[in-house]
PDB file of all heavy atoms in Angstrom:
ATOM      1  N   SER A   1      -9.013  -0.901   8.924  1.00  0.00           N
ATOM      2  CA  SER A   1      -7.821  -1.490   9.532  1.00  0.00           C
ATOM      3  C   SER A   1      -6.737  -0.439   9.752  1.00  0.00           C
ATOM      4  O   SER A   1      -6.052  -0.435  10.783  1.00  0.00           O
ATOM      5  CB  SER A   1      -7.281  -2.628   8.656  1.00  0.00           C
ATOM      6  OG  SER A   1      -8.122  -3.754   8.718  1.00  0.00           O
ATOM      7  N   LEU A   2      -6.567   0.455   8.782  1.00  0.00           N
ATOM      8  CA  LEU A   2      -5.571   1.514   8.927  1.00  0.00           C
ATOM      9  C   LEU A   2      -5.936   2.467  10.075  1.00  0.00           C
ATOM     10  O   LEU A   2      -5.058   2.922  10.814  1.00  0.00           O
ATOM     11  CB  LEU A   2      -5.438   2.289   7.625  1.00  0.00           C
ATOM     12  CG  LEU A   2      -4.708   1.568   6.488  1.00  0.00           C
ATOM     13  CD1 LEU A   2      -4.805   2.360   5.195  1.00  0.00           C
ATOM     14  CD2 LEU A   2      -3.245   1.332   6.848  1.00  0.00           C
ATOM     15  N   LEU A   3      -7.223   2.767  10.218  1.00  0.00           N
ATOM     16  CA  LEU A   3      -7.660   3.623  11.328  1.00  0.00           C
ATOM     17  C   LEU A   3      -7.386   2.961  12.676  1.00  0.00           C
ATOM     18  O   LEU A   3      -7.003   3.628  13.643  1.00  0.00           O
ATOM     19  CB  LEU A   3      -9.148   3.938  11.184  1.00  0.00           C
ATOM     20  CG  LEU A   3      -9.528   4.884  10.042  1.00  0.00           C
ATOM     21  CD1 LEU A   3     -11.044   4.987   9.921  1.00  0.00           C
ATOM     22  CD2 LEU A   3      -8.924   6.269  10.265  1.00  0.00           C
ATOM     23  N   ILE A   4      -7.576   1.649  12.741  1.00  0.00           N
ATOM     24  CA  ILE A   4      -7.286   0.928  13.982  1.00  0.00           C
ATOM     25  C   ILE A   4      -5.798   0.986  14.286  1.00  0.00           C
ATOM     26  O   ILE A   4      -5.385   1.215  15.437  1.00  0.00           O
ATOM     27  CB  ILE A   4      -7.768  -0.541  13.877  1.00  0.00           C
ATOM     28  CG1 ILE A   4      -9.303  -0.588  13.827  1.00  0.00           C
ATOM     29  CG2 ILE A   4      -7.247  -1.364  15.052  1.00  0.00           C
ATOM     30  CD1 ILE A   4      -9.871  -1.959  13.524  1.00  0.00           C
ATOM     31  N   LEU A   5      -4.965   0.788  13.259  1.00  0.00           N
ATOM     32  CA  LEU A   5      -3.519   0.869  13.447  1.00  0.00           C
ATOM     33  C   LEU A   5      -3.100   2.258  13.928  1.00  0.00           C
ATOM     34  O   LEU A   5      -2.258   2.391  14.824  1.00  0.00           O
ATOM     35  CB  LEU A   5      -2.799   0.531  12.136  1.00  0.00           C
ATOM     36  CG  LEU A   5      -2.806  -0.939  11.722  1.00  0.00           C
ATOM     37  CD1 LEU A   5      -2.257  -1.091  10.308  1.00  0.00           C
ATOM     38  CD2 LEU A   5      -1.994  -1.785  12.697  1.00  0.00           C
ATOM     39  N   ARG A   6      -3.695   3.287  13.342  1.00  0.00           N
ATOM     40  CA  ARG A   6      -3.368   4.655  13.762  1.00  0.00           C
ATOM     41  C   ARG A   6      -3.801   4.882  15.212  1.00  0.00           C
ATOM     42  O   ARG A   6      -3.071   5.513  15.990  1.00  0.00           O
ATOM     43  CB  ARG A   6      -4.043   5.670  12.843  1.00  0.00           C
ATOM     44  CG  ARG A   6      -3.746   7.121  13.206  1.00  0.00           C
ATOM     45  CD  ARG A   6      -4.345   8.093  12.216  1.00  0.00           C
ATOM     46  NE  ARG A   6      -3.634   8.071  10.959  1.00  0.00           N
ATOM     47  CZ  ARG A   6      -2.513   8.744  10.717  1.00  0.00           C
ATOM     48  NH1 ARG A   6      -1.957   9.466  11.677  1.00  0.00           N
ATOM     49  NH2 ARG A   6      -1.935   8.678   9.548  1.00  0.00           N
ATOM     50  N   ALA A   7      -4.981   4.385  15.571  1.00  0.00           N
ATOM     51  CA  ALA A   7      -5.461   4.547  16.943  1.00  0.00           C
ATOM     52  C   ALA A   7      -4.554   3.828  17.940  1.00  0.00           C
ATOM     53  O   ALA A   7      -4.463   4.231  19.105  1.00  0.00           O
ATOM     54  CB  ALA A   7      -6.884   4.020  17.063  1.00  0.00           C
ATOM     55  N   GLN A   8      -3.860   2.786  17.475  1.00  0.00           N
ATOM     56  CA  GLN A   8      -2.945   2.057  18.342  1.00  0.00           C
ATOM     57  C   GLN A   8      -1.563   2.702  18.410  1.00  0.00           C
ATOM     58  O   GLN A   8      -0.670   2.177  19.074  1.00  0.00           O
ATOM     59  CB  GLN A   8      -2.810   0.608  17.857  1.00  0.00           C
ATOM     60  CG  GLN A   8      -4.074  -0.213  18.043  1.00  0.00           C
ATOM     61  CD  GLN A   8      -3.926  -1.620  17.480  1.00  0.00           C
ATOM     62  OE1 GLN A   8      -3.151  -1.856  16.558  1.00  0.00           O
ATOM     63  NE2 GLN A   8      -4.663  -2.555  18.048  1.00  0.00           N
ATOM     64  N   GLY A   9      -1.398   3.825  17.690  1.00  0.00           N
ATOM     65  CA  GLY A   9      -0.150   4.552  17.771  1.00  0.00           C
ATOM     66  C   GLY A   9       0.863   4.245  16.698  1.00  0.00           C
ATOM     67  O   GLY A   9       2.001   4.711  16.766  1.00  0.00           O
ATOM     68  N   HIS A  10       0.464   3.483  15.676  1.00  0.00           N
ATOM     69  CA  HIS A  10       1.391   3.187  14.590  1.00  0.00           C
ATOM     70  C   HIS A  10       1.591   4.428  13.724  1.00  0.00           C
ATOM     71  O   HIS A  10       0.643   5.175  13.453  1.00  0.00           O
ATOM     72  CB  HIS A  10       0.860   2.038  13.732  1.00  0.00           C
ATOM     73  CG  HIS A  10       0.869   0.716  14.437  1.00  0.00           C
ATOM     74  ND1 HIS A  10       1.924  -0.159  14.372  1.00  0.00           N
ATOM     75  CD2 HIS A  10      -0.061   0.139  15.234  1.00  0.00           C
ATOM     76  CE1 HIS A  10       1.652  -1.232  15.090  1.00  0.00           C
ATOM     77  NE2 HIS A  10       0.448  -1.082  15.627  1.00  0.00           N
ATOM     78  N   ASP A  11       2.809   4.626  13.277  1.00  0.00           N
ATOM     79  CA  ASP A  11       3.144   5.769  12.428  1.00  0.00           C
ATOM     80  C   ASP A  11       2.895   5.377  10.973  1.00  0.00           C
ATOM     81  O   ASP A  11       3.688   4.646  10.368  1.00  0.00           O
ATOM     82  CB  ASP A  11       4.610   6.165  12.637  1.00  0.00           C
ATOM     83  CG  ASP A  11       4.979   7.412  11.846  1.00  0.00           C
ATOM     84  OD1 ASP A  11       4.056   8.163  11.478  1.00  0.00           O
ATOM     85  OD2 ASP A  11       6.185   7.624  11.586  1.00  0.00           O
ATOM     86  N   LEU A  12       1.790   5.839  10.418  1.00  0.00           N
ATOM     87  CA  LEU A  12       1.422   5.477   9.051  1.00  0.00           C
ATOM     88  C   LEU A  12       1.917   6.533   8.081  1.00  0.00           C
ATOM     89  O   LEU A  12       2.020   7.709   8.396  1.00  0.00           O
ATOM     90  CB  LEU A  12      -0.102   5.341   8.939  1.00  0.00           C
ATOM     91  CG  LEU A  12      -0.749   4.339   9.914  1.00  0.00           C
ATOM     92  CD1 LEU A  12      -2.244   4.281   9.676  1.00  0.00           C
ATOM     93  CD2 LEU A  12      -0.129   2.962   9.763  1.00  0.00           C
ATOM     94  N   HIS A  13       2.220   6.078   6.861  1.00  0.00           N
ATOM     95  CA  HIS A  13       2.713   6.990   5.826  1.00  0.00           C
ATOM     96  C   HIS A  13       2.242   6.498   4.463  1.00  0.00           C
ATOM     97  O   HIS A  13       1.576   5.459   4.354  1.00  0.00           O
ATOM     98  CB  HIS A  13       4.250   7.067   5.866  1.00  0.00           C
ATOM     99  CG  HIS A  13       4.920   5.725   5.880  1.00  0.00           C
ATOM    100  ND1 HIS A  13       5.092   4.969   4.741  1.00  0.00           N
ATOM    101  CD2 HIS A  13       5.422   5.004   6.905  1.00  0.00           C
ATOM    102  CE1 HIS A  13       5.697   3.839   5.055  1.00  0.00           C
ATOM    103  NE2 HIS A  13       5.906   3.822   6.357  1.00  0.00           N
ATOM    104  N   GLY A  14       2.573   7.249   3.419  1.00  0.00           N
ATOM    105  CA  GLY A  14       2.080   6.943   2.078  1.00  0.00           C
ATOM    106  C   GLY A  14       2.516   5.598   1.556  1.00  0.00           C
ATOM    107  O   GLY A  14       1.834   5.001   0.714  1.00  0.00           O
ATOM    108  N   LYS A  15       3.671   5.097   2.021  1.00  0.00           N
ATOM    109  CA  LYS A  15       4.174   3.811   1.564  1.00  0.00           C
ATOM    110  C   LYS A  15       3.848   2.680   2.537  1.00  0.00           C
ATOM    111  O   LYS A  15       4.413   1.598   2.446  1.00  0.00           O
ATOM    112  CB  LYS A  15       5.691   3.886   1.365  1.00  0.00           C
ATOM    113  CG  LYS A  15       6.117   4.833   0.242  1.00  0.00           C
ATOM    114  CD  LYS A  15       7.623   4.794   0.040  1.00  0.00           C
ATOM    115  CE  LYS A  15       8.049   5.742  -1.077  1.00  0.00           C
ATOM    116  NZ  LYS A  15       9.525   5.701  -1.286  1.00  0.00           N
ATOM    117  N   GLN A  16       2.918   2.948   3.466  1.00  0.00           N
ATOM    118  CA  GLN A  16       2.560   1.939   4.451  1.00  0.00           C
ATOM    119  C   GLN A  16       2.026   0.685   3.766  1.00  0.00           C
ATOM    120  O   GLN A  16       1.078   0.733   2.982  1.00  0.00           O
ATOM    121  CB  GLN A  16       1.483   2.485   5.398  1.00  0.00           C
ATOM    122  CG  GLN A  16       1.038   1.507   6.474  1.00  0.00           C
ATOM    123  CD  GLN A  16       2.102   1.310   7.528  1.00  0.00           C
ATOM    124  OE1 GLN A  16       2.789   2.250   7.903  1.00  0.00           O
ATOM    125  NE2 GLN A  16       2.254   0.087   7.993  1.00  0.00           N
ATOM    126  N   ALA A  17       2.664  -0.439   4.048  1.00  0.00           N
ATOM    127  CA  ALA A  17       2.248  -1.709   3.443  1.00  0.00           C
ATOM    128  C   ALA A  17       1.344  -2.458   4.417  1.00  0.00           C
ATOM    129  O   ALA A  17       1.696  -2.653   5.573  1.00  0.00           O
ATOM    130  CB  ALA A  17       3.467  -2.552   3.096  1.00  0.00           C
ATOM    131  N   ILE A  18       0.180  -2.860   3.946  1.00  0.00           N
ATOM    132  CA  ILE A  18      -0.697  -3.708   4.738  1.00  0.00           C
ATOM    133  C   ILE A  18      -1.084  -4.899   3.872  1.00  0.00           C
ATOM    134  O   ILE A  18      -1.026  -4.838   2.642  1.00  0.00           O
ATOM    135  CB  ILE A  18      -1.967  -2.959   5.206  1.00  0.00           C
ATOM    136  CG1 ILE A  18      -2.841  -2.560   4.005  1.00  0.00           C
ATOM    137  CG2 ILE A  18      -1.623  -1.766   6.058  1.00  0.00           C
ATOM    138  CD1 ILE A  18      -4.230  -2.122   4.398  1.00  0.00           C
ATOM    139  N   SER A  19      -1.454  -5.963   4.526  1.00  0.00           N
ATOM    140  CA  SER A  19      -1.913  -7.143   3.785  1.00  0.00           C
ATOM    141  C   SER A  19      -3.316  -6.861   3.255  1.00  0.00           C
ATOM    142  O   SER A  19      -4.257  -6.678   4.036  1.00  0.00           O
ATOM    143  CB  SER A  19      -1.911  -8.365   4.701  1.00  0.00           C
ATOM    144  OG  SER A  19      -0.598  -8.674   5.117  1.00  0.00           O
ATOM    145  N   PHE A  20      -3.439  -6.811   1.928  1.00  0.00           N
ATOM    146  CA  PHE A  20      -4.718  -6.475   1.316  1.00  0.00           C
ATOM    147  C   PHE A  20      -5.583  -7.709   1.077  1.00  0.00           C
ATOM    148  O   PHE A  20      -6.784  -7.602   0.860  1.00  0.00           O
ATOM    149  CB  PHE A  20      -4.460  -5.743  -0.001  1.00  0.00           C
ATOM    150  CG  PHE A  20      -5.624  -4.935  -0.503  1.00  0.00           C
ATOM    151  CD1 PHE A  20      -6.389  -4.154   0.345  1.00  0.00           C
ATOM    152  CD2 PHE A  20      -5.947  -4.948  -1.850  1.00  0.00           C
ATOM    153  CE1 PHE A  20      -7.467  -3.420  -0.118  1.00  0.00           C
ATOM    154  CE2 PHE A  20      -7.017  -4.206  -2.335  1.00  0.00           C
ATOM    155  CZ  PHE A  20      -7.777  -3.441  -1.465  1.00  0.00           C
ATOM    156  N   GLY A  21      -4.948  -8.898   1.118  1.00  0.00           N
ATOM    157  CA  GLY A  21      -5.688 -10.126   0.848  1.00  0.00           C
ATOM    158  C   GLY A  21      -6.905 -10.341   1.733  1.00  0.00           C
ATOM    159  O   GLY A  21      -7.979 -10.703   1.224  1.00  0.00           O
ATOM    160  N   PRO A  22      -6.804 -10.141   3.060  1.00  0.00           N
ATOM    161  CA  PRO A  22      -7.984 -10.327   3.901  1.00  0.00           C
ATOM    162  C   PRO A  22      -9.152  -9.421   3.506  1.00  0.00           C
ATOM    163  O   PRO A  22     -10.316  -9.825   3.580  1.00  0.00           O
ATOM    164  CB  PRO A  22      -7.466  -9.998   5.306  1.00  0.00           C
ATOM    165  CG  PRO A  22      -6.013 -10.311   5.251  1.00  0.00           C
ATOM    166  CD  PRO A  22      -5.590  -9.912   3.873  1.00  0.00           C
ATOM    167  N   HIS A  23      -8.847  -8.222   3.080  1.00  0.00           N
ATOM    168  CA  HIS A  23      -9.902  -7.280   2.692  1.00  0.00           C
ATOM    169  C   HIS A  23     -10.509  -7.663   1.337  1.00  0.00           C
ATOM    170  O   HIS A  23     -11.723  -7.540   1.130  1.00  0.00           O
ATOM    171  CB  HIS A  23      -9.333  -5.866   2.677  1.00  0.00           C
ATOM    172  CG  HIS A  23      -8.627  -5.515   3.949  1.00  0.00           C
ATOM    173  ND1 HIS A  23      -9.293  -5.332   5.139  1.00  0.00           N
ATOM    174  CD2 HIS A  23      -7.297  -5.356   4.234  1.00  0.00           C
ATOM    175  CE1 HIS A  23      -8.422  -5.061   6.099  1.00  0.00           C
ATOM    176  NE2 HIS A  23      -7.205  -5.075   5.580  1.00  0.00           N
ATOM    177  N   LEU A  24      -9.667  -8.146   0.427  1.00  0.00           N
ATOM    178  CA  LEU A  24     -10.193  -8.679  -0.832  1.00  0.00           C
ATOM    179  C   LEU A  24     -11.086  -9.889  -0.577  1.00  0.00           C
ATOM    180  O   LEU A  24     -12.106 -10.083  -1.246  1.00  0.00           O
ATOM    181  CB  LEU A  24      -9.042  -9.073  -1.765  1.00  0.00           C
ATOM    182  CG  LEU A  24      -8.199  -7.936  -2.343  1.00  0.00           C
ATOM    183  CD1 LEU A  24      -6.982  -8.500  -3.066  1.00  0.00           C
ATOM    184  CD2 LEU A  24      -9.027  -7.074  -3.298  1.00  0.00           C
ATOM    185  N   ALA A  25     -10.708 -10.694   0.410  1.00  0.00           N
ATOM    186  CA  ALA A  25     -11.504 -11.882   0.746  1.00  0.00           C
ATOM    187  C   ALA A  25     -12.893 -11.487   1.241  1.00  0.00           C
ATOM    188  O   ALA A  25     -13.898 -12.110   0.866  1.00  0.00           O
ATOM    189  CB  ALA A  25     -10.775 -12.708   1.810  1.00  0.00           C
ATOM    190  N   VAL A  26     -12.958 -10.451   2.085  1.00  0.00           N
ATOM    191  CA  VAL A  26     -14.257  -9.963   2.559  1.00  0.00           C
ATOM    192  C   VAL A  26     -15.105  -9.470   1.385  1.00  0.00           C
ATOM    193  O   VAL A  26     -16.306  -9.761   1.290  1.00  0.00           O
ATOM    194  CB  VAL A  26     -14.052  -8.829   3.591  1.00  0.00           C
ATOM    195  CG1 VAL A  26     -15.369  -8.119   3.875  1.00  0.00           C
ATOM    196  CG2 VAL A  26     -13.472  -9.390   4.872  1.00  0.00           C
ATOM    197  N   GLY A  27     -14.465  -8.724   0.474  1.00  0.00           N
ATOM    198  CA  GLY A  27     -15.200  -8.237  -0.693  1.00  0.00           C
ATOM    199  C   GLY A  27     -15.731  -9.365  -1.546  1.00  0.00           C
ATOM    200  O   GLY A  27     -16.898  -9.346  -1.979  1.00  0.00           O
ATOM    201  N   LEU A  28     -14.901 -10.379  -1.796  1.00  0.00           N
ATOM    202  CA  LEU A  28     -15.340 -11.525  -2.605  1.00  0.00           C
ATOM    203  C   LEU A  28     -16.486 -12.265  -1.930  1.00  0.00           C
ATOM    204  O   LEU A  28     -17.479 -12.627  -2.578  1.00  0.00           O
ATOM    205  CB  LEU A  28     -14.157 -12.468  -2.839  1.00  0.00           C
ATOM    206  CG  LEU A  28     -14.478 -13.768  -3.581  1.00  0.00           C
ATOM    207  CD1 LEU A  28     -15.070 -13.493  -4.953  1.00  0.00           C
ATOM    208  CD2 LEU A  28     -13.230 -14.639  -3.707  1.00  0.00           C
ATOM    209  N   TRP A  29     -16.365 -12.483  -0.631  1.00  0.00           N
ATOM    210  CA  TRP A  29     -17.386 -13.229   0.095  1.00  0.00           C
ATOM    211  C   TRP A  29     -18.736 -12.529   0.047  1.00  0.00           C
ATOM    212  O   TRP A  29     -19.761 -13.131  -0.273  1.00  0.00           O
ATOM    213  CB  TRP A  29     -16.941 -13.436   1.533  1.00  0.00           C
ATOM    214  CG  TRP A  29     -17.924 -14.102   2.436  1.00  0.00           C
ATOM    215  CD1 TRP A  29     -18.367 -13.644   3.630  1.00  0.00           C
ATOM    216  CD2 TRP A  29     -18.581 -15.360   2.235  1.00  0.00           C
ATOM    217  NE1 TRP A  29     -19.250 -14.521   4.193  1.00  0.00           N
ATOM    218  CE2 TRP A  29     -19.410 -15.593   3.358  1.00  0.00           C
ATOM    219  CE3 TRP A  29     -18.562 -16.317   1.218  1.00  0.00           C
ATOM    220  CZ2 TRP A  29     -20.199 -16.731   3.488  1.00  0.00           C
ATOM    221  CZ3 TRP A  29     -19.355 -17.454   1.343  1.00  0.00           C
ATOM    222  CH2 TRP A  29     -20.153 -17.656   2.463  1.00  0.00           C
ATOM    223  N   TRP A  30     -18.759 -11.221   0.324  1.00  0.00           N
ATOM    224  CA  TRP A  30     -20.031 -10.512   0.359  1.00  0.00           C
ATOM    225  C   TRP A  30     -20.640 -10.339  -1.029  1.00  0.00           C
ATOM    226  O   TRP A  30     -21.870 -10.423  -1.185  1.00  0.00           O
ATOM    227  CB  TRP A  30     -19.862  -9.158   1.046  1.00  0.00           C
ATOM    228  CG  TRP A  30     -20.119  -9.258   2.515  1.00  0.00           C
ATOM    229  CD1 TRP A  30     -19.199  -9.339   3.504  1.00  0.00           C
ATOM    230  CD2 TRP A  30     -21.398  -9.346   3.148  1.00  0.00           C
ATOM    231  NE1 TRP A  30     -19.816  -9.455   4.727  1.00  0.00           N
ATOM    232  CE2 TRP A  30     -21.167  -9.459   4.538  1.00  0.00           C
ATOM    233  CE3 TRP A  30     -22.710  -9.328   2.680  1.00  0.00           C
ATOM    234  CZ2 TRP A  30     -22.206  -9.558   5.458  1.00  0.00           C
ATOM    235  CZ3 TRP A  30     -23.752  -9.416   3.597  1.00  0.00           C
ATOM    236  CH2 TRP A  30     -23.493  -9.533   4.962  1.00  0.00           C
ATOM    237  N   ILE A  31     -19.810 -10.129  -2.055  1.00  0.00           N
ATOM    238  CA  ILE A  31     -20.371 -10.012  -3.405  1.00  0.00           C
ATOM    239  C   ILE A  31     -20.912 -11.354  -3.870  1.00  0.00           C
ATOM    240  O   ILE A  31     -21.957 -11.413  -4.540  1.00  0.00           O
ATOM    241  CB  ILE A  31     -19.311  -9.476  -4.392  1.00  0.00           C
ATOM    242  CG1 ILE A  31     -18.962  -8.029  -4.046  1.00  0.00           C
ATOM    243  CG2 ILE A  31     -19.819  -9.553  -5.831  1.00  0.00           C
ATOM    244  CD1 ILE A  31     -20.141  -7.067  -4.096  1.00  0.00           C
ATOM    245  N   TRP A  32     -20.249 -12.445  -3.495  1.00  0.00           N
ATOM    246  CA  TRP A  32     -20.784 -13.765  -3.858  1.00  0.00           C
ATOM    247  C   TRP A  32     -22.103 -14.028  -3.138  1.00  0.00           C
ATOM    248  O   TRP A  32     -23.046 -14.560  -3.724  1.00  0.00           O
ATOM    249  CB  TRP A  32     -19.779 -14.858  -3.505  1.00  0.00           C
ATOM    250  CG  TRP A  32     -20.222 -16.217  -3.986  1.00  0.00           C
ATOM    251  CD1 TRP A  32     -20.118 -16.707  -5.266  1.00  0.00           C
ATOM    252  CD2 TRP A  32     -20.859 -17.232  -3.207  1.00  0.00           C
ATOM    253  NE1 TRP A  32     -20.657 -17.982  -5.313  1.00  0.00           N
ATOM    254  CE2 TRP A  32     -21.116 -18.320  -4.064  1.00  0.00           C
ATOM    255  CE3 TRP A  32     -21.244 -17.318  -1.862  1.00  0.00           C
ATOM    256  CZ2 TRP A  32     -21.729 -19.500  -3.630  1.00  0.00           C
ATOM    257  CZ3 TRP A  32     -21.853 -18.481  -1.430  1.00  0.00           C
ATOM    258  CH2 TRP A  32     -22.092 -19.555  -2.309  1.00  0.00           C
ATOM    259  N   VAL A  33     -22.168 -13.655  -1.873  1.00  0.00           N
ATOM    260  CA  VAL A  33     -23.397 -13.889  -1.094  1.00  0.00           C
ATOM    261  C   VAL A  33     -24.554 -13.035  -1.624  1.00  0.00           C
ATOM    262  O   VAL A  33     -25.683 -13.521  -1.794  1.00  0.00           O
ATOM    263  CB  VAL A  33     -23.146 -13.582   0.402  1.00  0.00           C
ATOM    264  CG1 VAL A  33     -24.470 -13.510   1.174  1.00  0.00           C
ATOM    265  CG2 VAL A  33     -22.231 -14.637   1.004  1.00  0.00           C
ATOM    266  N   LEU A  34     -24.282 -11.761  -1.890  1.00  0.00           N
ATOM    267  CA  LEU A  34     -25.346 -10.830  -2.292  1.00  0.00           C
ATOM    268  C   LEU A  34     -25.599 -10.801  -3.793  1.00  0.00           C
ATOM    269  O   LEU A  34     -26.664 -10.410  -4.242  1.00  0.00           O
ATOM    270  CB  LEU A  34     -25.010  -9.411  -1.815  1.00  0.00           C
ATOM    271  CG  LEU A  34     -24.896  -9.199  -0.309  1.00  0.00           C
ATOM    272  CD1 LEU A  34     -24.464  -7.746  -0.035  1.00  0.00           C
ATOM    273  CD2 LEU A  34     -26.205  -9.520   0.391  1.00  0.00           C
TER     274      LEU A  34
END
C-alpha cells in the first residue's frame, strides 16, 4: 500500500500514518484459512 501511495506521488516519511487495520484483517483471514 505504501508503494502504491509513493507511485501516486504522495510524500511519505518516517511518521507516515496509514490505516493498519485492513492489513491486519488480511493477515487474520489468511492465517485462519490456512
